[in-house]
């Protein structure tokens, strides 16, 4: 499930990611391809000016652009995968449904433990009734109760572990939602390893740099995050239409 991949790569499941004061110089090297010949861009630094560049190595190709510009536009591209504030609650429900559905193993385990606990509690109750009715003697009663209570204690421990895992899913949902709403900022301020993980997750086949239009052209992107972008764009366009209609009606009334 691709949302789980997002979570595993960008959240605590793979450890807490580190943000550096100084970001890597060339995180996009070999990730960006020249739109003309498809070759991955390499990187270099003009030392006398201390300016970084990406370029295509094909002879005669003049696809050469500053790293600062490419990084800024790449962060802007990632920011296009942003859920509008009004849709955050809905998006959180969607992510929650996906993650909790995938975590059915914990649910089944908890259900089984509850069943075992209920059966043991029923046996304990019957044991106490039998003792009260005089059907079993004190030694058998004491031994039986100790065995049942020991089993119940173990089940309680296991249930606590499973509940903790299920509880952690709530924070997991929050992390996924937060992550999907700040990809540009996250990418811009992260270490090289996380930068590349984000890049490879979003654009597994890389991305083109079109020097004529001075912008990126996507080859393909993560399907789940593509849906996010369409939702965001659709919401934005709908609001713009409402704004235009309101403006037109206001002018007509004037």
C-alpha atoms as a PDB file:
ATOM      1  CA  UNK A   1       0.000   0.000   0.000  1.00  0.00           C
ATOM      2  CA  UNK A   2       1.578   3.260  -1.150  1.00  0.00           C
ATOM      3  CA  UNK A   3       0.418   5.382   1.784  1.00  0.00           C
ATOM      4  CA  UNK A   4       2.172   2.920   4.065  1.00  0.00           C
ATOM      5  CA  UNK A   5       5.299   3.337   1.983  1.00  0.00           C
ATOM      6  CA  UNK A   6       4.993   7.070   2.524  1.00  0.00           C
ATOM      7  CA  UNK A   7       4.712   6.505   6.241  1.00  0.00           C
ATOM      8  CA  UNK A   8       7.536   3.985   6.455  1.00  0.00           C
ATOM      9  CA  UNK A   9       9.877   6.203   4.511  1.00  0.00           C
ATOM     10  CA  UNK A  10       8.999   9.566   5.975  1.00  0.00           C
ATOM     11  CA  UNK A  11       7.857   8.825   9.522  1.00  0.00           C
ATOM     12  CA  UNK A  12       9.087   7.237  12.686  1.00  0.00           C
ATOM     13  CA  UNK A  13       8.842   3.659  11.434  1.00  0.00           C
ATOM     14  CA  UNK A  14      12.278   3.994   9.900  1.00  0.00           C
ATOM     15  CA  UNK A  15      13.586   6.114  12.756  1.00  0.00           C
ATOM     16  CA  UNK A  16      13.360   9.823  13.312  1.00  0.00           C
ATOM     17  CA  UNK A  17      14.650  11.708  10.323  1.00  0.00           C
ATOM     18  CA  UNK A  18      17.331  14.317  10.873  1.00  0.00           C
ATOM     19  CA  UNK A  19      17.233  17.859   9.604  1.00  0.00           C
ATOM     20  CA  UNK A  20      20.568  19.529   9.011  1.00  0.00           C
ATOM     21  CA  UNK A  21      21.423  23.211   9.215  1.00  0.00           C
ATOM     22  CA  UNK A  22      23.289  22.768   5.933  1.00  0.00           C
ATOM     23  CA  UNK A  23      21.417  20.794   3.274  1.00  0.00           C
ATOM     24  CA  UNK A  24      23.185  18.523   0.760  1.00  0.00           C
ATOM     25  CA  UNK A  25      24.632  20.293  -2.275  1.00  0.00           C
ATOM     26  CA  UNK A  26      23.370  18.002  -5.039  1.00  0.00           C
ATOM     27  CA  UNK A  27      20.422  15.857  -3.910  1.00  0.00           C
ATOM     28  CA  UNK A  28      18.955  15.866  -7.439  1.00  0.00           C
ATOM     29  CA  UNK A  29      22.064  14.540  -9.196  1.00  0.00           C
ATOM     30  CA  UNK A  30      21.116  11.663 -11.547  1.00  0.00           C
ATOM     31  CA  UNK A  31      17.473  12.041 -10.446  1.00  0.00           C
ATOM     32  CA  UNK A  32      16.825  14.826 -12.963  1.00  0.00           C
ATOM     33  CA  UNK A  33      17.091  13.980 -16.645  1.00  0.00           C
ATOM     34  CA  UNK A  34      17.619  16.221 -19.612  1.00  0.00           C
ATOM     35  CA  UNK A  35      14.300  16.620 -21.445  1.00  0.00           C
ATOM     36  CA  UNK A  36      16.079  16.592 -24.832  1.00  0.00           C
ATOM     37  CA  UNK A  37      18.110  13.382 -24.619  1.00  0.00           C
ATOM     38  CA  UNK A  38      16.962  11.746 -21.385  1.00  0.00           C
ATOM     39  CA  UNK A  39      20.449  11.668 -19.839  1.00  0.00           C
ATOM     40  CA  UNK A  40      20.713  12.177 -16.067  1.00  0.00           C
ATOM     41  CA  UNK A  41      22.088  15.577 -15.112  1.00  0.00           C
ATOM     42  CA  UNK A  42      25.437  15.674 -13.337  1.00  0.00           C
ATOM     43  CA  UNK A  43      26.624  18.411 -11.001  1.00  0.00           C
ATOM     44  CA  UNK A  44      29.612  20.692 -10.561  1.00  0.00           C
ATOM     45  CA  UNK A  45      30.724  23.787  -8.665  1.00  0.00           C
ATOM     46  CA  UNK A  46      32.306  26.967 -10.014  1.00  0.00           C
ATOM     47  CA  UNK A  47      34.820  27.307  -7.198  1.00  0.00           C
ATOM     48  CA  UNK A  48      35.824  30.905  -7.786  1.00  0.00           C
ATOM     49  CA  UNK A  49      32.197  31.945  -7.331  1.00  0.00           C
ATOM     50  CA  UNK A  50      31.171  29.006  -5.120  1.00  0.00           C
ATOM     51  CA  UNK A  51      28.070  28.473  -7.251  1.00  0.00           C
ATOM     52  CA  UNK A  52      26.620  25.005  -7.866  1.00  0.00           C
ATOM     53  CA  UNK A  53      25.211  23.857 -11.201  1.00  0.00           C
ATOM     54  CA  UNK A  54      23.512  20.865 -12.796  1.00  0.00           C
ATOM     55  CA  UNK A  55      24.237  20.068 -16.424  1.00  0.00           C
ATOM     56  CA  UNK A  56      23.706  17.537 -19.177  1.00  0.00           C
ATOM     57  CA  UNK A  57      26.940  15.859 -20.289  1.00  0.00           C
ATOM     58  CA  UNK A  58      25.902  15.243 -23.876  1.00  0.00           C
ATOM     59  CA  UNK A  59      28.281  17.033 -26.228  1.00  0.00           C
ATOM     60  CA  UNK A  60      26.629  20.151 -27.609  1.00  0.00           C
ATOM     61  CA  UNK A  61      23.763  20.150 -25.128  1.00  0.00           C
ATOM     62  CA  UNK A  62      23.444  23.453 -23.321  1.00  0.00           C
ATOM     63  CA  UNK A  63      21.150  22.208 -20.596  1.00  0.00           C
ATOM     64  CA  UNK A  64      22.997  23.885 -17.754  1.00  0.00           C
ATOM     65  CA  UNK A  65      21.177  25.432 -14.774  1.00  0.00           C
ATOM     66  CA  UNK A  66      22.031  26.638 -11.283  1.00  0.00           C
ATOM     67  CA  UNK A  67      21.399  24.235  -8.430  1.00  0.00           C
ATOM     68  CA  UNK A  68      19.739  27.005  -6.430  1.00  0.00           C
ATOM     69  CA  UNK A  69      17.085  27.428  -9.120  1.00  0.00           C
ATOM     70  CA  UNK A  70      16.491  23.693  -9.555  1.00  0.00           C
ATOM     71  CA  UNK A  71      16.167  23.162  -5.814  1.00  0.00           C
ATOM     72  CA  UNK A  72      13.699  26.033  -5.418  1.00  0.00           C
ATOM     73  CA  UNK A  73      11.494  24.802  -8.255  1.00  0.00           C
ATOM     74  CA  UNK A  74      11.689  21.215  -7.037  1.00  0.00           C
ATOM     75  CA  UNK A  75      10.478  22.266  -3.579  1.00  0.00           C
ATOM     76  CA  UNK A  76       7.636  24.190  -5.247  1.00  0.00           C
ATOM     77  CA  UNK A  77       6.742  21.068  -7.230  1.00  0.00           C
ATOM     78  CA  UNK A  78       6.595  19.005  -4.042  1.00  0.00           C
ATOM     79  CA  UNK A  79       4.414  21.666  -2.457  1.00  0.00           C
ATOM     80  CA  UNK A  80       1.829  21.007  -5.156  1.00  0.00           C
ATOM     81  CA  UNK A  81       1.115  17.794  -3.236  1.00  0.00           C
ATOM     82  CA  UNK A  82      -0.570  19.739  -0.461  1.00  0.00           C
ATOM     83  CA  UNK A  83      -3.974  19.059   1.039  1.00  0.00           C
ATOM     84  CA  UNK A  84      -6.051  22.262   1.497  1.00  0.00           C
ATOM     85  CA  UNK A  85      -6.786  23.008   5.192  1.00  0.00           C
ATOM     86  CA  UNK A  86     -10.514  22.511   4.660  1.00  0.00           C
ATOM     87  CA  UNK A  87      -9.889  18.936   3.475  1.00  0.00           C
ATOM     88  CA  UNK A  88      -7.427  17.874   6.176  1.00  0.00           C
ATOM     89  CA  UNK A  89     -10.065  16.156   8.300  1.00  0.00           C
ATOM     90  CA  UNK A  90     -11.369  14.211   5.311  1.00  0.00           C
ATOM     91  CA  UNK A  91      -7.849  13.286   4.225  1.00  0.00           C
ATOM     92  CA  UNK A  92      -7.014  12.164   7.757  1.00  0.00           C
ATOM     93  CA  UNK A  93     -10.028   9.824   7.697  1.00  0.00           C
ATOM     94  CA  UNK A  94      -8.902   8.356   4.380  1.00  0.00           C
ATOM     95  CA  UNK A  95      -5.359   7.744   5.596  1.00  0.00           C
ATOM     96  CA  UNK A  96      -6.689   6.380   8.882  1.00  0.00           C
ATOM     97  CA  UNK A  97      -8.918   3.901   7.053  1.00  0.00           C
ATOM     98  CA  UNK A  98      -6.048   2.677   4.893  1.00  0.00           C
ATOM     99  CA  UNK A  99      -3.585   2.279   7.756  1.00  0.00           C
ATOM    100  CA  UNK A 100      -6.037   0.628  10.146  1.00  0.00           C
ATOM    101  CA  UNK A 101      -7.213  -1.721   7.403  1.00  0.00           C
ATOM    102  CA  UNK A 102      -3.615  -2.740   6.742  1.00  0.00           C
ATOM    103  CA  UNK A 103      -3.143  -3.307  10.465  1.00  0.00           C
ATOM    104  CA  UNK A 104      -5.851  -5.954  10.627  1.00  0.00           C
ATOM    105  CA  UNK A 105      -3.352  -8.394  12.143  1.00  0.00           C
ATOM    106  CA  UNK A 106      -3.272  -6.378  15.362  1.00  0.00           C
ATOM    107  CA  UNK A 107      -7.056  -6.174  15.383  1.00  0.00           C
ATOM    108  CA  UNK A 108      -7.404  -9.939  14.952  1.00  0.00           C
ATOM    109  CA  UNK A 109      -4.838 -10.528  17.675  1.00  0.00           C
ATOM    110  CA  UNK A 110      -6.680  -8.207  20.055  1.00  0.00           C
ATOM    111  CA  UNK A 111      -9.987  -9.903  19.263  1.00  0.00           C
ATOM    112  CA  UNK A 112      -8.478 -13.334  19.994  1.00  0.00           C
ATOM    113  CA  UNK A 113      -6.967 -12.142  23.277  1.00  0.00           C
ATOM    114  CA  UNK A 114     -10.316 -10.666  24.356  1.00  0.00           C
ATOM    115  CA  UNK A 115     -12.005 -13.974  23.604  1.00  0.00           C
ATOM    116  CA  UNK A 116      -9.385 -15.906  25.602  1.00  0.00           C
ATOM    117  CA  UNK A 117      -9.735 -13.452  28.481  1.00  0.00           C
ATOM    118  CA  UNK A 118     -13.508 -13.827  28.491  1.00  0.00           C
ATOM    119  CA  UNK A 119     -13.269 -17.626  28.522  1.00  0.00           C
ATOM    120  CA  UNK A 120     -10.796 -17.597  31.414  1.00  0.00           C
ATOM    121  CA  UNK A 121     -12.926 -15.138  33.387  1.00  0.00           C
ATOM    122  CA  UNK A 122     -15.908 -17.439  32.840  1.00  0.00           C
ATOM    123  CA  UNK A 123     -13.904 -20.433  34.111  1.00  0.00           C
ATOM    124  CA  UNK A 124     -12.763 -18.420  37.122  1.00  0.00           C
ATOM    125  CA  UNK A 125     -16.349 -17.507  37.932  1.00  0.00           C
ATOM    126  CA  UNK A 126     -17.486 -21.140  37.618  1.00  0.00           C
ATOM    127  CA  UNK A 127     -14.600 -22.222  39.816  1.00  0.00           C
ATOM    128  CA  UNK A 128     -15.658 -19.758  42.529  1.00  0.00           C
ATOM    129  CA  UNK A 129     -19.278 -20.896  42.274  1.00  0.00           C
ATOM    130  CA  UNK A 130     -18.222 -24.548  42.533  1.00  0.00           C
ATOM    131  CA  UNK A 131     -16.153 -23.741  45.608  1.00  0.00           C
ATOM    132  CA  UNK A 132     -19.025 -21.868  47.141  1.00  0.00           C
ATOM    133  CA  UNK A 133     -21.376 -24.803  46.484  1.00  0.00           C
ATOM    134  CA  UNK A 134     -18.872 -27.176  48.047  1.00  0.00           C
ATOM    135  CA  UNK A 135     -18.334 -29.123  44.825  1.00  0.00           C
ATOM    136  CA  UNK A 136     -14.500 -28.796  44.986  1.00  0.00           C
ATOM    137  CA  UNK A 137     -12.144 -28.700  47.931  1.00  0.00           C
ATOM    138  CA  UNK A 138      -9.868 -25.821  48.937  1.00  0.00           C
ATOM    139  CA  UNK A 139      -6.630 -27.197  47.432  1.00  0.00           C
ATOM    140  CA  UNK A 140      -8.116 -27.803  43.979  1.00  0.00           C
ATOM    141  CA  UNK A 141      -9.816 -24.413  44.110  1.00  0.00           C
ATOM    142  CA  UNK A 142      -6.617 -22.578  45.079  1.00  0.00           C
ATOM    143  CA  UNK A 143      -4.498 -24.331  42.431  1.00  0.00           C
ATOM    144  CA  UNK A 144      -7.102 -23.752  39.697  1.00  0.00           C
ATOM    145  CA  UNK A 145      -7.512 -20.069  40.563  1.00  0.00           C
ATOM    146  CA  UNK A 146      -3.747 -19.518  40.552  1.00  0.00           C
ATOM    147  CA  UNK A 147      -3.404 -21.115  37.113  1.00  0.00           C
ATOM    148  CA  UNK A 148      -6.298 -19.082  35.682  1.00  0.00           C
ATOM    149  CA  UNK A 149      -5.050 -15.813  37.187  1.00  0.00           C
ATOM    150  CA  UNK A 150      -1.542 -16.451  35.839  1.00  0.00           C
ATOM    151  CA  UNK A 151      -2.961 -16.954  32.358  1.00  0.00           C
ATOM    152  CA  UNK A 152      -5.116 -13.830  32.722  1.00  0.00           C
ATOM    153  CA  UNK A 153      -2.079 -11.788  33.752  1.00  0.00           C
ATOM    154  CA  UNK A 154      -0.171 -12.900  30.646  1.00  0.00           C
ATOM    155  CA  UNK A 155      -3.142 -12.044  28.441  1.00  0.00           C
ATOM    156  CA  UNK A 156      -3.396  -8.595  30.019  1.00  0.00           C
ATOM    157  CA  UNK A 157       0.259  -7.962  29.202  1.00  0.00           C
ATOM    158  CA  UNK A 158      -0.235  -9.042  25.581  1.00  0.00           C
ATOM    159  CA  UNK A 159      -3.400  -6.963  25.252  1.00  0.00           C
ATOM    160  CA  UNK A 160      -1.566  -3.904  26.553  1.00  0.00           C
ATOM    161  CA  UNK A 161       1.114  -4.369  23.878  1.00  0.00           C
ATOM    162  CA  UNK A 162      -1.439  -4.727  21.084  1.00  0.00           C
ATOM    163  CA  UNK A 163      -3.468  -1.746  22.320  1.00  0.00           C
ATOM    164  CA  UNK A 164      -0.294   0.331  22.435  1.00  0.00           C
ATOM    165  CA  UNK A 165       0.429  -0.601  18.820  1.00  0.00           C
ATOM    166  CA  UNK A 166      -3.116   0.307  17.801  1.00  0.00           C
ATOM    167  CA  UNK A 167      -2.861   3.548  19.756  1.00  0.00           C
ATOM    168  CA  UNK A 168       0.378   4.379  17.956  1.00  0.00           C
ATOM    169  CA  UNK A 169      -1.524   4.163  14.675  1.00  0.00           C
ATOM    170  CA  UNK A 170      -3.326   7.370  15.617  1.00  0.00           C
ATOM    171  CA  UNK A 171      -0.047   9.259  15.817  1.00  0.00           C
ATOM    172  CA  UNK A 172       1.018   7.447  12.651  1.00  0.00           C
ATOM    173  CA  UNK A 173      -1.992   8.894  10.840  1.00  0.00           C
ATOM    174  CA  UNK A 174      -1.117  12.365  12.116  1.00  0.00           C
ATOM    175  CA  UNK A 175       2.470  11.959  10.919  1.00  0.00           C
ATOM    176  CA  UNK A 176       1.399  10.817   7.446  1.00  0.00           C
ATOM    177  CA  UNK A 177      -1.012  13.732   7.074  1.00  0.00           C
ATOM    178  CA  UNK A 178       1.564  16.235   8.335  1.00  0.00           C
ATOM    179  CA  UNK A 179       4.224  14.775   6.052  1.00  0.00           C
ATOM    180  CA  UNK A 180       2.024  14.962   2.969  1.00  0.00           C
ATOM    181  CA  UNK A 181       1.359  18.626   3.725  1.00  0.00           C
ATOM    182  CA  UNK A 182       4.961  19.779   3.949  1.00  0.00           C
ATOM    183  CA  UNK A 183       6.939  17.740   1.436  1.00  0.00           C
ATOM    184  CA  UNK A 184       8.644  20.772  -0.096  1.00  0.00           C
ATOM    185  CA  UNK A 185       9.859  22.073   3.251  1.00  0.00           C
ATOM    186  CA  UNK A 186      10.815  18.594   4.427  1.00  0.00           C
ATOM    187  CA  UNK A 187      12.844  17.920   1.291  1.00  0.00           C
ATOM    188  CA  UNK A 188      14.553  21.328   1.416  1.00  0.00           C
ATOM    189  CA  UNK A 189      15.781  20.876   4.976  1.00  0.00           C
ATOM    190  CA  UNK A 190      16.691  17.210   5.166  1.00  0.00           C
ATOM    191  CA  UNK A 191      19.808  15.113   4.867  1.00  0.00           C
ATOM    192  CA  UNK A 192      20.753  13.551   1.552  1.00  0.00           C
ATOM    193  CA  UNK A 193      19.363  10.122   2.382  1.00  0.00           C
ATOM    194  CA  UNK A 194      15.885  11.397   3.199  1.00  0.00           C
ATOM    195  CA  UNK A 195      15.922  13.771   0.211  1.00  0.00           C
ATOM    196  CA  UNK A 196      16.595  10.858  -2.112  1.00  0.00           C
ATOM    197  CA  UNK A 197      13.950   8.696  -0.447  1.00  0.00           C
ATOM    198  CA  UNK A 198      11.360  11.416  -1.007  1.00  0.00           C
ATOM    199  CA  UNK A 199      12.481  11.851  -4.627  1.00  0.00           C
ATOM    200  CA  UNK A 200      12.397   8.132  -5.379  1.00  0.00           C
ATOM    201  CA  UNK A 201       9.042   7.708  -3.695  1.00  0.00           C
ATOM    202  CA  UNK A 202       7.389  10.547  -5.590  1.00  0.00           C
ATOM    203  CA  UNK A 203       9.101  10.066  -8.954  1.00  0.00           C
ATOM    204  CA  UNK A 204      10.487   6.510  -9.145  1.00  0.00           C
ATOM    205  CA  UNK A 205      11.517   6.961 -12.788  1.00  0.00           C
ATOM    206  CA  UNK A 206      13.119  10.344 -12.220  1.00  0.00           C
ATOM    207  CA  UNK A 207      12.002  13.688 -13.600  1.00  0.00           C
ATOM    208  CA  UNK A 208      12.826  15.801 -16.673  1.00  0.00           C
ATOM    209  CA  UNK A 209      14.236  19.321 -16.695  1.00  0.00           C
ATOM    210  CA  UNK A 210      12.944  21.264 -19.702  1.00  0.00           C
ATOM    211  CA  UNK A 211      15.387  24.082 -20.377  1.00  0.00           C
ATOM    212  CA  UNK A 212      13.067  25.708 -22.950  1.00  0.00           C
ATOM    213  CA  UNK A 213      10.217  26.121 -20.464  1.00  0.00           C
ATOM    214  CA  UNK A 214      12.598  26.369 -17.507  1.00  0.00           C
ATOM    215  CA  UNK A 215      10.563  23.930 -15.463  1.00  0.00           C
ATOM    216  CA  UNK A 216      10.132  20.270 -14.622  1.00  0.00           C
ATOM    217  CA  UNK A 217       8.261  17.644 -16.608  1.00  0.00           C
ATOM    218  CA  UNK A 218       7.173  14.606 -14.640  1.00  0.00           C
ATOM    219  CA  UNK A 219       7.559  11.127 -16.143  1.00  0.00           C
ATOM    220  CA  UNK A 220       5.390   9.299 -13.651  1.00  0.00           C
ATOM    221  CA  UNK A 221       4.707   9.752  -9.973  1.00  0.00           C
ATOM    222  CA  UNK A 222       3.469   7.849  -6.975  1.00  0.00           C
ATOM    223  CA  UNK A 223      -0.217   7.074  -7.628  1.00  0.00           C
ATOM    224  CA  UNK A 224      -1.377   7.824  -4.108  1.00  0.00           C
ATOM    225  CA  UNK A 225       0.288  11.227  -4.046  1.00  0.00           C
ATOM    226  CA  UNK A 226      -0.955  11.919  -7.556  1.00  0.00           C
ATOM    227  CA  UNK A 227      -4.468  11.603  -6.150  1.00  0.00           C
ATOM    228  CA  UNK A 228      -3.560  14.138  -3.478  1.00  0.00           C
ATOM    229  CA  UNK A 229      -2.431  16.577  -6.152  1.00  0.00           C
ATOM    230  CA  UNK A 230      -5.649  16.144  -8.155  1.00  0.00           C
ATOM    231  CA  UNK A 231      -7.755  16.673  -5.042  1.00  0.00           C
ATOM    232  CA  UNK A 232      -5.778  19.778  -4.133  1.00  0.00           C
ATOM    233  CA  UNK A 233      -5.949  21.181  -7.677  1.00  0.00           C
ATOM    234  CA  UNK A 234      -9.661  20.417  -7.947  1.00  0.00           C
ATOM    235  CA  UNK A 235     -10.378  22.129  -4.644  1.00  0.00           C
ATOM    236  CA  UNK A 236      -8.313  25.157  -5.646  1.00  0.00           C
ATOM    237  CA  UNK A 237      -9.998  25.444  -9.055  1.00  0.00           C
ATOM    238  CA  UNK A 238     -13.424  25.125  -7.472  1.00  0.00           C
ATOM    239  CA  UNK A 239     -12.673  27.939  -5.025  1.00  0.00           C
ATOM    240  CA  UNK A 240     -11.303  30.109  -7.839  1.00  0.00           C
ATOM    241  CA  UNK A 241     -14.509  29.557  -9.830  1.00  0.00           C
ATOM    242  CA  UNK A 242     -16.593  30.533  -6.813  1.00  0.00           C
ATOM    243  CA  UNK A 243     -14.464  33.634  -6.332  1.00  0.00           C
ATOM    244  CA  UNK A 244     -14.840  34.618 -10.000  1.00  0.00           C
ATOM    245  CA  UNK A 245     -18.596  34.061  -9.914  1.00  0.00           C
ATOM    246  CA  UNK A 246     -18.907  36.135  -6.759  1.00  0.00           C
ATOM    247  CA  UNK A 247     -16.832  38.906  -8.323  1.00  0.00           C
ATOM    248  CA  UNK A 248     -18.950  38.876 -11.491  1.00  0.00           C
ATOM    249  CA  UNK A 249     -22.201  38.951  -9.542  1.00  0.00           C
ATOM    250  CA  UNK A 250     -20.888  41.768  -7.371  1.00  0.00           C
ATOM    251  CA  UNK A 251     -20.031  43.837 -10.438  1.00  0.00           C
ATOM    252  CA  UNK A 252     -23.470  43.172 -11.953  1.00  0.00           C
ATOM    253  CA  UNK A 253     -25.135  44.278  -8.729  1.00  0.00           C
ATOM    254  CA  UNK A 254     -22.990  47.409  -8.762  1.00  0.00           C
END
